Amino acid sequence: MPPKKSAPQGVDISPSEISTSQKLAAIGVERFPQATGRTRTLADAYQSTTEQINPLIERAEQGLRALGLNVSGSVHLETHEDWSSHLSFRKVDKEWRLLLDVGPDDDPVGLNWTAKPLITTSREMRLKALAQLPLLEKALVARVEEQLAEACETVTDAAAYVADLEARTK
């Protein structure tokens, strides 16, 4: 931290008579008007960029639904001292949605976890989630592959059993 500048000799600063800018100028500290302009430009650019988040989330939900995978899946977003968050895609009220799941790490069953639509979460969380969408799609595809393998095995076993049953009952 730079050392504080003292008021130059002979300068009497009365708090009630001058503005903060004048007080700072009296002790040799200048304001930087270009910083204010730059700050406003940065804020406007950030706002403009992040206004695209919700439409992207809506389009991602539509795209994931259109894949027709019809399975739930999730990917890890972040971990804190004793809780974690996940980006999930699953059915809520008969509609497939992107969700933010948050809960304690010591609850593997998920009884104390909360879920909310991703689109209603903080800007920071929505940005983190957008970055994980490709991983979520991979997780969903992997889940379908697992379930397909199980389904094929079950159907094959059931077909063999039914054929044997029919042969024994004729």
N, C-alpha and C. Protein backbone atom coordinates (compact mmCIF):
# COMPACT_ATOMS: atom_id res chain seq x y z
N MET A 1 0.85 -1.17 0.00
CA MET A 1 0.00 0.00 0.00
C MET A 1 0.89 1.23 0.00
N PRO A 2 0.64 2.20 -0.90
CA PRO A 2 1.48 3.39 -0.93
C PRO A 2 1.27 4.22 0.32
N PRO A 3 2.34 4.94 0.73
CA PRO A 3 2.19 5.77 1.93
C PRO A 3 1.20 6.90 1.68
N LYS A 4 0.49 7.27 2.75
CA LYS A 4 -0.47 8.37 2.64
C LYS A 4 0.28 9.67 2.46
N LYS A 5 -0.29 10.52 1.61
CA LYS A 5 0.31 11.84 1.41
C LYS A 5 -0.34 12.80 2.39
N SER A 6 0.47 13.62 2.99
CA SER A 6 -0.10 14.62 3.90
C SER A 6 -0.41 15.88 3.10
N ALA A 7 -1.26 16.69 3.66
CA ALA A 7 -1.65 17.93 2.98
C ALA A 7 -0.44 18.85 2.89
N PRO A 8 -0.25 19.50 1.74
CA PRO A 8 0.86 20.44 1.59
C PRO A 8 0.76 21.55 2.63
N GLN A 9 1.93 22.09 2.97
CA GLN A 9 1.98 23.19 3.93
C GLN A 9 1.07 24.33 3.49
N GLY A 10 0.33 24.88 4.41
CA GLY A 10 -0.50 26.04 4.12
C GLY A 10 -1.86 25.69 3.54
N VAL A 11 -2.17 24.41 3.37
CA VAL A 11 -3.49 24.03 2.82
C VAL A 11 -4.38 23.65 3.99
N ASP A 12 -5.45 24.37 4.11
CA ASP A 12 -6.41 24.10 5.18
C ASP A 12 -7.61 23.39 4.56
N ILE A 13 -7.82 22.14 4.96
CA ILE A 13 -8.91 21.36 4.39
C ILE A 13 -10.04 21.31 5.40
N SER A 14 -11.12 21.95 5.08
CA SER A 14 -12.30 21.94 5.93
C SER A 14 -13.32 21.00 5.32
N PRO A 15 -13.70 19.94 6.01
CA PRO A 15 -14.58 18.92 5.44
C PRO A 15 -15.91 19.47 4.95
N SER A 16 -16.43 20.49 5.55
CA SER A 16 -17.74 20.98 5.16
C SER A 16 -17.71 21.90 3.94
N GLU A 17 -16.53 22.36 3.55
CA GLU A 17 -16.47 23.37 2.50
C GLU A 17 -16.06 22.82 1.14
N ILE A 18 -15.42 21.67 1.07
CA ILE A 18 -14.96 21.18 -0.24
C ILE A 18 -15.38 19.73 -0.45
N SER A 19 -15.42 19.34 -1.71
CA SER A 19 -15.83 17.99 -2.08
C SER A 19 -14.67 17.00 -1.88
N THR A 20 -15.01 15.74 -1.97
CA THR A 20 -13.99 14.69 -1.85
C THR A 20 -12.94 14.84 -2.93
N SER A 21 -13.36 15.16 -4.14
CA SER A 21 -12.41 15.36 -5.24
C SER A 21 -11.44 16.48 -4.93
N GLN A 22 -11.97 17.54 -4.37
CA GLN A 22 -11.11 18.67 -4.03
C GLN A 22 -10.15 18.29 -2.90
N LYS A 23 -10.63 17.52 -1.94
CA LYS A 23 -9.77 17.09 -0.84
C LYS A 23 -8.63 16.22 -1.37
N LEU A 24 -8.99 15.28 -2.27
CA LEU A 24 -7.97 14.41 -2.84
C LEU A 24 -6.97 15.21 -3.67
N ALA A 25 -7.45 16.15 -4.46
CA ALA A 25 -6.56 16.98 -5.27
C ALA A 25 -5.64 17.81 -4.38
N ALA A 26 -6.13 18.27 -3.24
CA ALA A 26 -5.33 19.10 -2.34
C ALA A 26 -4.14 18.34 -1.77
N ILE A 27 -4.24 17.02 -1.66
CA ILE A 27 -3.12 16.25 -1.14
C ILE A 27 -2.38 15.51 -2.25
N GLY A 28 -2.67 15.86 -3.49
CA GLY A 28 -1.92 15.32 -4.62
C GLY A 28 -2.45 14.02 -5.20
N VAL A 29 -3.69 13.66 -4.87
CA VAL A 29 -4.28 12.45 -5.43
C VAL A 29 -5.29 12.88 -6.49
N GLU A 30 -5.03 12.43 -7.71
CA GLU A 30 -5.94 12.79 -8.80
C GLU A 30 -6.93 11.68 -9.06
N ARG A 31 -8.10 12.07 -9.46
CA ARG A 31 -9.08 11.08 -9.91
C ARG A 31 -8.73 10.71 -11.34
N PHE A 32 -9.14 9.55 -11.74
CA PHE A 32 -8.87 9.07 -13.08
C PHE A 32 -10.18 8.95 -13.84
N PRO A 33 -10.58 10.01 -14.55
CA PRO A 33 -11.86 9.96 -15.25
C PRO A 33 -11.90 8.85 -16.30
N GLN A 34 -10.73 8.51 -16.89
CA GLN A 34 -10.73 7.44 -17.88
C GLN A 34 -11.06 6.10 -17.24
N ALA A 35 -10.76 5.92 -15.95
CA ALA A 35 -11.10 4.68 -15.27
C ALA A 35 -12.62 4.54 -15.17
N THR A 36 -13.31 5.62 -14.92
CA THR A 36 -14.76 5.58 -14.84
C THR A 36 -15.34 5.20 -16.19
N GLY A 37 -14.82 5.79 -17.26
CA GLY A 37 -15.28 5.43 -18.60
C GLY A 37 -14.97 3.99 -18.94
N ARG A 38 -13.78 3.53 -18.58
CA ARG A 38 -13.39 2.15 -18.83
C ARG A 38 -14.25 1.19 -18.02
N THR A 39 -14.52 1.56 -16.78
CA THR A 39 -15.35 0.73 -15.93
C THR A 39 -16.74 0.58 -16.52
N ARG A 40 -17.31 1.66 -16.99
CA ARG A 40 -18.65 1.63 -17.58
C ARG A 40 -18.63 0.76 -18.84
N THR A 41 -17.58 0.89 -19.65
CA THR A 41 -17.46 0.10 -20.87
C THR A 41 -17.38 -1.39 -20.53
N LEU A 42 -16.57 -1.72 -19.53
CA LEU A 42 -16.46 -3.12 -19.10
C LEU A 42 -17.79 -3.65 -18.58
N ALA A 43 -18.45 -2.85 -17.75
CA ALA A 43 -19.74 -3.28 -17.19
C ALA A 43 -20.76 -3.51 -18.30
N ASP A 44 -20.80 -2.60 -19.27
CA ASP A 44 -21.74 -2.74 -20.39
C ASP A 44 -21.41 -3.98 -21.22
N ALA A 45 -20.14 -4.24 -21.47
CA ALA A 45 -19.74 -5.40 -22.26
C ALA A 45 -20.08 -6.69 -21.52
N TYR A 46 -19.83 -6.70 -20.21
CA TYR A 46 -20.15 -7.88 -19.41
C TYR A 46 -21.65 -8.14 -19.40
N GLN A 47 -22.43 -7.09 -19.21
CA GLN A 47 -23.90 -7.22 -19.20
C GLN A 47 -24.39 -7.73 -20.55
N SER A 48 -23.86 -7.17 -21.63
CA SER A 48 -24.27 -7.58 -22.97
C SER A 48 -23.94 -9.05 -23.22
N THR A 49 -22.78 -9.47 -22.78
CA THR A 49 -22.36 -10.86 -22.96
C THR A 49 -23.22 -11.80 -22.13
N THR A 50 -23.43 -11.45 -20.87
CA THR A 50 -24.16 -12.36 -19.99
C THR A 50 -25.66 -12.37 -20.26
N GLU A 51 -26.17 -11.40 -20.99
CA GLU A 51 -27.59 -11.45 -21.39
C GLU A 51 -27.86 -12.61 -22.33
N GLN A 52 -26.82 -13.20 -22.86
CA GLN A 52 -26.98 -14.35 -23.76
C GLN A 52 -27.10 -15.67 -23.01
N ILE A 53 -26.87 -15.65 -21.71
CA ILE A 53 -26.86 -16.89 -20.92
C ILE A 53 -28.21 -17.60 -20.95
N ASN A 54 -29.28 -16.92 -20.55
CA ASN A 54 -30.58 -17.58 -20.47
C ASN A 54 -31.06 -18.11 -21.81
N PRO A 55 -30.95 -17.35 -22.89
CA PRO A 55 -31.34 -17.93 -24.18
C PRO A 55 -30.50 -19.17 -24.54
N LEU A 56 -29.22 -19.18 -24.18
CA LEU A 56 -28.39 -20.36 -24.44
C LEU A 56 -28.85 -21.55 -23.60
N ILE A 57 -29.22 -21.31 -22.36
CA ILE A 57 -29.71 -22.40 -21.51
C ILE A 57 -31.00 -22.97 -22.09
N GLU A 58 -31.90 -22.11 -22.52
CA GLU A 58 -33.16 -22.58 -23.12
C GLU A 58 -32.89 -23.39 -24.38
N ARG A 59 -31.97 -22.91 -25.21
CA ARG A 59 -31.64 -23.64 -26.44
C ARG A 59 -30.96 -24.97 -26.13
N ALA A 60 -30.12 -24.99 -25.10
CA ALA A 60 -29.45 -26.24 -24.71
C ALA A 60 -30.48 -27.25 -24.22
N GLU A 61 -31.45 -26.80 -23.42
CA GLU A 61 -32.50 -27.71 -22.96
C GLU A 61 -33.26 -28.29 -24.16
N GLN A 62 -33.60 -27.44 -25.10
CA GLN A 62 -34.31 -27.91 -26.30
C GLN A 62 -33.46 -28.91 -27.07
N GLY A 63 -32.19 -28.60 -27.22
CA GLY A 63 -31.29 -29.49 -27.95
C GLY A 63 -31.12 -30.84 -27.28
N LEU A 64 -30.96 -30.83 -25.96
CA LEU A 64 -30.81 -32.09 -25.24
C LEU A 64 -32.10 -32.91 -25.30
N ARG A 65 -33.25 -32.22 -25.22
CA ARG A 65 -34.53 -32.93 -25.38
C ARG A 65 -34.63 -33.54 -26.77
N ALA A 66 -34.20 -32.78 -27.77
CA ALA A 66 -34.31 -33.23 -29.17
C ALA A 66 -33.43 -34.45 -29.43
N LEU A 67 -32.39 -34.66 -28.65
CA LEU A 67 -31.57 -35.86 -28.81
C LEU A 67 -32.38 -37.12 -28.54
N GLY A 68 -33.43 -36.97 -27.75
CA GLY A 68 -34.31 -38.10 -27.47
C GLY A 68 -33.69 -39.20 -26.64
N LEU A 69 -32.68 -38.89 -25.86
CA LEU A 69 -32.01 -39.92 -25.06
C LEU A 69 -32.89 -40.41 -23.91
N ASN A 70 -33.70 -39.53 -23.37
CA ASN A 70 -34.65 -39.88 -22.30
C ASN A 70 -34.00 -40.55 -21.10
N VAL A 71 -32.84 -40.05 -20.70
CA VAL A 71 -32.17 -40.52 -19.48
C VAL A 71 -31.72 -39.30 -18.68
N SER A 72 -31.59 -39.52 -17.39
CA SER A 72 -31.07 -38.48 -16.50
C SER A 72 -29.56 -38.60 -16.41
N GLY A 73 -28.93 -37.49 -16.13
CA GLY A 73 -27.48 -37.51 -15.94
C GLY A 73 -27.03 -36.22 -15.28
N SER A 74 -25.81 -36.24 -14.77
CA SER A 74 -25.28 -35.04 -14.13
C SER A 74 -23.76 -35.03 -14.20
N VAL A 75 -23.21 -33.84 -14.06
CA VAL A 75 -21.76 -33.65 -13.99
C VAL A 75 -21.45 -32.71 -12.83
N HIS A 76 -20.31 -32.91 -12.24
CA HIS A 76 -19.87 -32.09 -11.11
C HIS A 76 -19.55 -30.67 -11.57
N LEU A 77 -19.99 -29.69 -10.78
CA LEU A 77 -19.65 -28.29 -11.08
C LEU A 77 -18.58 -27.76 -10.14
N GLU A 78 -18.83 -27.83 -8.84
CA GLU A 78 -17.85 -27.32 -7.89
C GLU A 78 -18.04 -27.96 -6.52
N THR A 79 -16.96 -27.90 -5.73
CA THR A 79 -16.97 -28.43 -4.37
C THR A 79 -16.49 -27.33 -3.44
N HIS A 80 -17.16 -27.21 -2.31
CA HIS A 80 -16.73 -26.29 -1.26
C HIS A 80 -16.38 -27.14 -0.04
N GLU A 81 -16.27 -26.54 1.11
CA GLU A 81 -15.82 -27.26 2.29
C GLU A 81 -16.60 -28.54 2.54
N ASP A 82 -17.91 -28.44 2.56
CA ASP A 82 -18.71 -29.62 2.90
C ASP A 82 -19.91 -29.82 1.98
N TRP A 83 -19.92 -29.15 0.84
CA TRP A 83 -21.02 -29.32 -0.09
C TRP A 83 -20.53 -29.23 -1.53
N SER A 84 -21.34 -29.74 -2.42
CA SER A 84 -20.99 -29.75 -3.84
C SER A 84 -22.19 -29.33 -4.67
N SER A 85 -21.92 -29.02 -5.92
CA SER A 85 -23.01 -28.71 -6.85
C SER A 85 -22.78 -29.49 -8.14
N HIS A 86 -23.90 -29.87 -8.77
CA HIS A 86 -23.88 -30.62 -10.02
C HIS A 86 -24.83 -29.98 -11.02
N LEU A 87 -24.45 -30.06 -12.27
CA LEU A 87 -25.34 -29.71 -13.37
C LEU A 87 -26.04 -31.00 -13.77
N SER A 88 -27.36 -30.99 -13.77
CA SER A 88 -28.12 -32.20 -14.08
C SER A 88 -29.11 -31.93 -15.20
N PHE A 89 -29.48 -33.02 -15.87
CA PHE A 89 -30.54 -33.00 -16.86
C PHE A 89 -31.47 -34.14 -16.52
N ARG A 90 -32.68 -33.81 -16.12
CA ARG A 90 -33.65 -34.84 -15.76
C ARG A 90 -35.06 -34.29 -15.88
N LYS A 91 -36.00 -35.21 -15.78
CA LYS A 91 -37.41 -34.86 -15.93
C LYS A 91 -37.95 -34.26 -14.65
N VAL A 92 -38.60 -33.10 -14.79
CA VAL A 92 -39.27 -32.43 -13.69
C VAL A 92 -40.64 -32.02 -14.20
N ASP A 93 -41.67 -32.47 -13.51
CA ASP A 93 -43.04 -32.15 -13.94
C ASP A 93 -43.26 -32.45 -15.42
N LYS A 94 -42.87 -33.64 -15.84
CA LYS A 94 -43.07 -34.15 -17.19
C LYS A 94 -42.27 -33.40 -18.26
N GLU A 95 -41.27 -32.64 -17.85
CA GLU A 95 -40.44 -31.91 -18.83
C GLU A 95 -38.97 -32.09 -18.46
N TRP A 96 -38.14 -32.38 -19.48
CA TRP A 96 -36.70 -32.51 -19.27
C TRP A 96 -36.11 -31.12 -19.08
N ARG A 97 -35.35 -30.94 -17.97
CA ARG A 97 -34.81 -29.62 -17.63
C ARG A 97 -33.34 -29.71 -17.22
N LEU A 98 -32.64 -28.61 -17.42
CA LEU A 98 -31.30 -28.44 -16.86
C LEU A 98 -31.48 -27.91 -15.44
N LEU A 99 -30.83 -28.55 -14.49
CA LEU A 99 -31.00 -28.19 -13.08
C LEU A 99 -29.65 -28.01 -12.41
N LEU A 100 -29.66 -27.23 -11.34
CA LEU A 100 -28.50 -27.13 -10.47
C LEU A 100 -28.86 -27.87 -9.19
N ASP A 101 -28.11 -28.93 -8.89
CA ASP A 101 -28.30 -29.69 -7.66
C ASP A 101 -27.21 -29.29 -6.69
N VAL A 102 -27.60 -28.98 -5.45
CA VAL A 102 -26.64 -28.56 -4.43
C VAL A 102 -26.94 -29.33 -3.15
N GLY A 103 -25.87 -29.87 -2.54
CA GLY A 103 -26.09 -30.60 -1.30
C GLY A 103 -24.81 -30.95 -0.59
N PRO A 104 -24.97 -31.50 0.61
CA PRO A 104 -23.80 -31.85 1.42
C PRO A 104 -23.07 -33.06 0.86
N ASP A 105 -21.77 -33.04 0.99
CA ASP A 105 -20.94 -34.14 0.49
C ASP A 105 -21.18 -35.44 1.24
N ASP A 106 -21.64 -35.35 2.50
CA ASP A 106 -21.84 -36.57 3.29
C ASP A 106 -23.23 -37.17 3.09
N ASP A 107 -23.92 -36.78 2.02
CA ASP A 107 -25.26 -37.29 1.72
C ASP A 107 -25.27 -37.93 0.33
N PRO A 108 -24.70 -39.13 0.20
CA PRO A 108 -24.59 -39.76 -1.12
C PRO A 108 -25.94 -40.12 -1.73
N VAL A 109 -26.98 -40.28 -0.91
CA VAL A 109 -28.29 -40.65 -1.42
C VAL A 109 -29.02 -39.42 -1.97
N GLY A 110 -28.66 -38.26 -1.51
CA GLY A 110 -29.27 -37.03 -2.02
C GLY A 110 -30.51 -36.59 -1.27
N LEU A 111 -30.71 -37.07 -0.05
CA LEU A 111 -31.90 -36.70 0.71
C LEU A 111 -31.92 -35.22 1.09
N ASN A 112 -30.76 -34.64 1.29
CA ASN A 112 -30.68 -33.24 1.72
C ASN A 112 -30.21 -32.31 0.60
N TRP A 113 -30.34 -32.76 -0.63
CA TRP A 113 -29.94 -31.94 -1.76
C TRP A 113 -31.13 -31.14 -2.24
N THR A 114 -30.85 -29.97 -2.79
CA THR A 114 -31.91 -29.16 -3.39
C THR A 114 -31.62 -29.02 -4.88
N ALA A 115 -32.68 -28.86 -5.63
CA ALA A 115 -32.55 -28.69 -7.07
C ALA A 115 -33.36 -27.47 -7.48
N LYS A 116 -32.79 -26.70 -8.38
CA LYS A 116 -33.55 -25.59 -8.94
C LYS A 116 -33.21 -25.48 -10.42
N PRO A 117 -34.15 -24.99 -11.20
CA PRO A 117 -33.87 -24.83 -12.62
C PRO A 117 -32.61 -23.98 -12.83
N LEU A 118 -31.74 -24.44 -13.69
CA LEU A 118 -30.49 -23.72 -13.94
C LEU A 118 -30.74 -22.27 -14.30
N ILE A 119 -31.77 -22.03 -15.07
CA ILE A 119 -32.04 -20.69 -15.57
C ILE A 119 -32.33 -19.69 -14.45
N THR A 120 -32.64 -20.18 -13.23
CA THR A 120 -32.96 -19.29 -12.11
C THR A 120 -31.79 -19.09 -11.16
N THR A 121 -30.64 -19.67 -11.45
CA THR A 121 -29.50 -19.59 -10.54
C THR A 121 -28.67 -18.33 -10.82
N SER A 122 -27.66 -18.13 -10.03
CA SER A 122 -26.81 -16.94 -10.17
C SER A 122 -26.09 -16.95 -11.52
N ARG A 123 -25.72 -15.79 -11.95
CA ARG A 123 -25.00 -15.65 -13.22
C ARG A 123 -23.71 -16.47 -13.18
N GLU A 124 -23.02 -16.44 -12.06
CA GLU A 124 -21.77 -17.19 -11.92
C GLU A 124 -22.00 -18.68 -12.12
N MET A 125 -23.05 -19.22 -11.50
CA MET A 125 -23.33 -20.66 -11.63
C MET A 125 -23.79 -21.00 -13.05
N ARG A 126 -24.57 -20.14 -13.66
CA ARG A 126 -25.01 -20.40 -15.03
C ARG A 126 -23.82 -20.42 -15.99
N LEU A 127 -22.85 -19.53 -15.78
CA LEU A 127 -21.66 -19.54 -16.63
C LEU A 127 -20.86 -20.82 -16.44
N LYS A 128 -20.68 -21.25 -15.18
CA LYS A 128 -19.97 -22.50 -14.92
C LYS A 128 -20.68 -23.67 -15.58
N ALA A 129 -22.00 -23.66 -15.49
CA ALA A 129 -22.78 -24.76 -16.06
C ALA A 129 -22.69 -24.78 -17.58
N LEU A 130 -22.74 -23.63 -18.21
CA LEU A 130 -22.63 -23.58 -19.68
C LEU A 130 -21.33 -24.22 -20.15
N ALA A 131 -20.27 -24.00 -19.39
CA ALA A 131 -18.97 -24.57 -19.77
C ALA A 131 -18.97 -26.09 -19.68
N GLN A 132 -19.89 -26.66 -18.88
CA GLN A 132 -19.92 -28.11 -18.66
C GLN A 132 -20.94 -28.83 -19.54
N LEU A 133 -21.66 -28.11 -20.39
CA LEU A 133 -22.68 -28.76 -21.23
C LEU A 133 -22.13 -29.90 -22.09
N PRO A 134 -20.98 -29.74 -22.73
CA PRO A 134 -20.46 -30.88 -23.53
C PRO A 134 -20.21 -32.12 -22.67
N LEU A 135 -19.71 -31.94 -21.46
CA LEU A 135 -19.50 -33.09 -20.56
C LEU A 135 -20.82 -33.71 -20.13
N LEU A 136 -21.82 -32.88 -19.94
CA LEU A 136 -23.13 -33.41 -19.58
C LEU A 136 -23.69 -34.26 -20.72
N GLU A 137 -23.56 -33.80 -21.94
CA GLU A 137 -24.03 -34.61 -23.07
C GLU A 137 -23.30 -35.95 -23.11
N LYS A 138 -21.99 -35.94 -22.90
CA LYS A 138 -21.22 -37.19 -22.88
C LYS A 138 -21.73 -38.12 -21.77
N ALA A 139 -22.04 -37.55 -20.61
CA ALA A 139 -22.55 -38.36 -19.50
C ALA A 139 -23.91 -38.97 -19.86
N LEU A 140 -24.75 -38.21 -20.54
CA LEU A 140 -26.06 -38.72 -20.94
C LEU A 140 -25.91 -39.85 -21.96
N VAL A 141 -25.01 -39.68 -22.92
CA VAL A 141 -24.78 -40.72 -23.93
C VAL A 141 -24.23 -41.98 -23.25
N ALA A 142 -23.31 -41.82 -22.32
CA ALA A 142 -22.75 -42.97 -21.60
C ALA A 142 -23.85 -43.69 -20.82
N ARG A 143 -24.75 -42.93 -20.25
CA ARG A 143 -25.87 -43.54 -19.50
C ARG A 143 -26.76 -44.34 -20.43
N VAL A 144 -27.06 -43.81 -21.62
CA VAL A 144 -27.88 -44.53 -22.59
C VAL A 144 -27.17 -45.82 -23.01
N GLU A 145 -25.87 -45.74 -23.23
CA GLU A 145 -25.11 -46.95 -23.62
C GLU A 145 -25.21 -48.02 -22.53
N GLU A 146 -25.07 -47.62 -21.27
CA GLU A 146 -25.20 -48.57 -20.16
C GLU A 146 -26.59 -49.19 -20.14
N GLN A 147 -27.60 -48.34 -20.23
CA GLN A 147 -28.97 -48.84 -20.16
C GLN A 147 -29.32 -49.71 -21.37
N LEU A 148 -28.78 -49.36 -22.52
CA LEU A 148 -29.02 -50.17 -23.71
C LEU A 148 -28.41 -51.56 -23.54
N ALA A 149 -27.19 -51.63 -23.02
CA ALA A 149 -26.55 -52.93 -22.80
C ALA A 149 -27.37 -53.77 -21.83
N GLU A 150 -27.84 -53.14 -20.73
CA GLU A 150 -28.68 -53.86 -19.77
C GLU A 150 -29.98 -54.32 -20.43
N ALA A 151 -30.60 -53.45 -21.20
CA ALA A 151 -31.87 -53.79 -21.85
C ALA A 151 -31.68 -54.94 -22.84
N CYS A 152 -30.61 -54.89 -23.62
CA CYS A 152 -30.36 -55.97 -24.59
C CYS A 152 -30.19 -57.31 -23.88
N GLU A 153 -29.42 -57.30 -22.80
CA GLU A 153 -29.20 -58.54 -22.05
C GLU A 153 -30.52 -59.04 -21.46
N THR A 154 -31.29 -58.15 -20.87
CA THR A 154 -32.56 -58.54 -20.26
C THR A 154 -33.53 -59.08 -21.31
N VAL A 155 -33.64 -58.40 -22.44
CA VAL A 155 -34.55 -58.84 -23.50
C VAL A 155 -34.10 -60.19 -24.05
N THR A 156 -32.81 -60.36 -24.26
CA THR A 156 -32.29 -61.64 -24.77
C THR A 156 -32.59 -62.77 -23.80
N ASP A 157 -32.32 -62.54 -22.51
CA ASP A 157 -32.61 -63.56 -21.49
C ASP A 157 -34.10 -63.85 -21.41
N ALA A 158 -34.93 -62.81 -21.44
CA ALA A 158 -36.38 -63.00 -21.36
C ALA A 158 -36.90 -63.73 -22.59
N ALA A 159 -36.38 -63.41 -23.77
CA ALA A 159 -36.82 -64.08 -25.00
C ALA A 159 -36.48 -65.57 -24.94
N ALA A 160 -35.30 -65.90 -24.42
CA ALA A 160 -34.91 -67.30 -24.29
C ALA A 160 -35.82 -68.02 -23.30
N TYR A 161 -36.12 -67.35 -22.20
CA TYR A 161 -37.00 -67.96 -21.20
C TYR A 161 -38.40 -68.18 -21.78
N VAL A 162 -38.96 -67.17 -22.44
CA VAL A 162 -40.31 -67.28 -23.00
C VAL A 162 -40.35 -68.38 -24.05
N ALA A 163 -39.34 -68.47 -24.89
CA ALA A 163 -39.28 -69.54 -25.91
C ALA A 163 -39.25 -70.91 -25.24
N ASP A 164 -38.45 -71.05 -24.17
CA ASP A 164 -38.38 -72.31 -23.44
C ASP A 164 -39.72 -72.62 -22.78
N LEU A 165 -40.34 -71.58 -22.19
CA LEU A 165 -41.64 -71.75 -21.55
C LEU A 165 -42.69 -72.22 -22.55
N GLU A 166 -42.71 -71.58 -23.69
CA GLU A 166 -43.68 -71.95 -24.75
C GLU A 166 -43.44 -73.39 -25.22
N ALA A 167 -42.17 -73.77 -25.34
CA ALA A 167 -41.85 -75.14 -25.79
C ALA A 167 -42.32 -76.17 -24.78
N ARG A 168 -42.24 -75.84 -23.51
CA ARG A 168 -42.65 -76.77 -22.46
C ARG A 168 -44.16 -76.85 -22.29
N THR A 169 -44.87 -75.85 -22.74
CA THR A 169 -46.33 -75.83 -22.52
C THR A 169 -47.12 -76.22 -23.75
N LYS A 170 -46.49 -76.61 -24.80
CA LYS A 170 -47.21 -77.01 -26.02
C LYS A 170 -47.61 -78.42 -25.97
